Amino acid sequence: MIELDEKYVFHIPLYRYVDGKLVRIEIDEILNDLIILFHQNGFDSLYMAKIKSYYKARLYDEILLTIFSSAKSPVAIFEEWFRINNDLLGQEAFAYEIGDRMIIFEFE
């Protein structure tokens, strides 16, 4: 039996907010880059779900990417990926969950 006791959920936006409007992000290439990074670092199993989110009176789609692990954390990989790609993502913050905690980092 394998037991993975830590759950990580990464929030990946599919829209950015520009001039009062939500604009779809062309995310396929950089999302694939993130999945490759996870795989290269030993995170071989994950799942994604497309959901509706609501933030600051904006309703939009996003992807929740979930990884279970017991040996190490994938957080640093996600944080670096998000910071590197935020010129395309155009977010004022990024978020992820660890277990039952939500962590939100706001850009200044």
Protein backbone atom coordinates (compact mmCIF):
# COMPACT_ATOMS: atom_id res chain seq x y z
CA MET A 1 0.00 0.00 0.00
CA ILE A 2 1.18 3.54 -0.82
CA GLU A 3 0.05 6.42 1.34
CA LEU A 4 0.55 10.01 0.18
CA ASP A 5 -0.35 12.18 3.13
CA GLU A 6 0.00 15.75 1.85
CA LYS A 7 -2.38 17.33 -0.66
CA TYR A 8 -1.37 20.32 -2.78
CA VAL A 9 -3.86 22.18 -4.97
CA PHE A 10 -2.50 24.84 -7.33
CA HIS A 11 -4.85 27.50 -8.71
CA ILE A 12 -4.09 28.26 -12.35
CA PRO A 13 -6.01 31.14 -13.93
CA LEU A 14 -7.42 30.90 -17.44
CA TYR A 15 -8.20 34.63 -17.61
CA ARG A 16 -6.50 37.89 -16.78
CA TYR A 17 -8.25 41.15 -15.92
CA VAL A 18 -7.39 43.93 -18.39
CA ASP A 19 -9.07 47.33 -18.63
CA GLY A 20 -12.16 46.14 -16.75
CA LYS A 21 -12.57 42.97 -18.84
CA LEU A 22 -11.62 39.34 -18.45
CA VAL A 23 -9.31 38.22 -21.25
CA ARG A 24 -8.61 34.54 -21.99
CA ILE A 25 -4.99 33.46 -21.46
CA GLU A 26 -3.27 31.23 -24.02
CA ILE A 27 -2.00 28.87 -21.34
CA ASP A 28 -1.48 25.50 -23.05
CA GLU A 29 2.27 25.85 -23.61
CA ILE A 30 3.20 27.17 -20.17
CA LEU A 31 0.82 24.73 -18.46
CA ASN A 32 2.60 21.90 -20.28
CA ASP A 33 5.92 23.37 -19.07
CA LEU A 34 4.64 23.21 -15.47
CA ILE A 35 3.57 19.58 -15.84
CA ILE A 36 7.00 18.72 -17.27
CA LEU A 37 8.70 20.50 -14.34
CA PHE A 38 6.63 18.52 -11.85
CA HIS A 39 7.47 15.27 -13.65
CA GLN A 40 11.20 16.10 -13.80
CA ASN A 41 11.11 16.62 -10.03
CA GLY A 42 9.49 13.27 -9.25
CA PHE A 43 5.82 14.25 -9.16
CA ASP A 44 4.51 11.69 -11.62
CA SER A 45 0.82 11.71 -10.79
CA LEU A 46 -1.53 14.68 -10.73
CA TYR A 47 -5.00 15.59 -11.78
CA MET A 48 -6.63 18.74 -13.09
CA ALA A 49 -10.16 20.03 -12.84
CA LYS A 50 -11.62 23.06 -14.57
CA ILE A 51 -13.80 25.05 -12.18
CA LYS A 52 -15.65 28.34 -11.88
CA SER A 53 -14.09 30.81 -9.45
CA TYR A 54 -15.20 34.11 -8.04
CA TYR A 55 -12.79 36.86 -6.95
CA LYS A 56 -13.40 40.61 -6.51
CA ALA A 57 -16.80 40.47 -8.27
CA ARG A 58 -15.31 38.56 -11.21
CA LEU A 59 -16.58 35.12 -12.23
CA TYR A 60 -14.08 33.17 -14.33
CA ASP A 61 -12.70 29.72 -15.15
CA GLU A 62 -9.54 28.34 -13.64
CA ILE A 63 -7.77 25.01 -13.38
CA LEU A 64 -7.08 23.31 -10.09
CA LEU A 65 -4.00 21.10 -10.40
CA THR A 66 -3.77 18.59 -7.54
CA ILE A 67 -0.74 16.60 -6.42
CA PHE A 68 -0.51 14.19 -3.50
CA SER A 69 2.95 13.61 -2.02
CA SER A 70 4.59 12.34 1.12
CA ALA A 71 8.27 12.77 0.37
CA LYS A 72 8.66 16.39 -0.74
CA SER A 73 6.76 19.54 -1.61
CA PRO A 74 6.01 20.79 -5.15
CA VAL A 75 5.34 24.35 -3.89
CA ALA A 76 8.70 25.90 -4.91
CA ILE A 77 8.24 24.61 -8.47
CA PHE A 78 4.79 26.23 -8.74
CA GLU A 79 5.87 29.51 -7.15
CA GLU A 80 8.84 29.90 -9.50
CA TRP A 81 6.76 28.91 -12.55
CA PHE A 82 4.06 31.44 -11.63
CA ARG A 83 6.52 34.29 -11.05
CA ILE A 84 8.37 33.58 -14.32
CA ASN A 85 5.13 33.43 -16.32
CA ASN A 86 3.15 36.22 -14.68
CA ASP A 87 3.90 38.54 -17.61
CA LEU A 88 1.52 36.27 -19.59
CA LEU A 89 -0.76 35.31 -16.68
CA GLY A 90 -1.15 38.95 -15.59
CA GLN A 91 -2.35 38.18 -12.07
CA GLU A 92 -2.31 40.42 -9.01
CA ALA A 93 -1.90 37.33 -6.79
CA PHE A 94 -1.46 33.58 -6.96
CA ALA A 95 -2.79 30.87 -4.68
CA TYR A 96 -2.38 27.27 -3.68
CA GLU A 97 -3.66 24.97 -0.98
CA ILE A 98 -1.76 22.66 1.33
CA GLY A 99 -4.06 20.28 3.16
CA ASP A 100 -6.80 22.47 4.56
CA ARG A 101 -4.87 25.78 4.28
CA MET A 102 -5.04 28.34 1.45
CA ILE A 103 -1.91 30.38 0.75
CA ILE A 104 -2.22 33.58 -1.30
CA PHE A 105 0.75 35.65 -2.47
CA GLU A 106 -0.01 39.14 -3.71
CA PHE A 107 2.30 40.85 -6.18
CA GLU A 108 3.27 44.41 -5.29
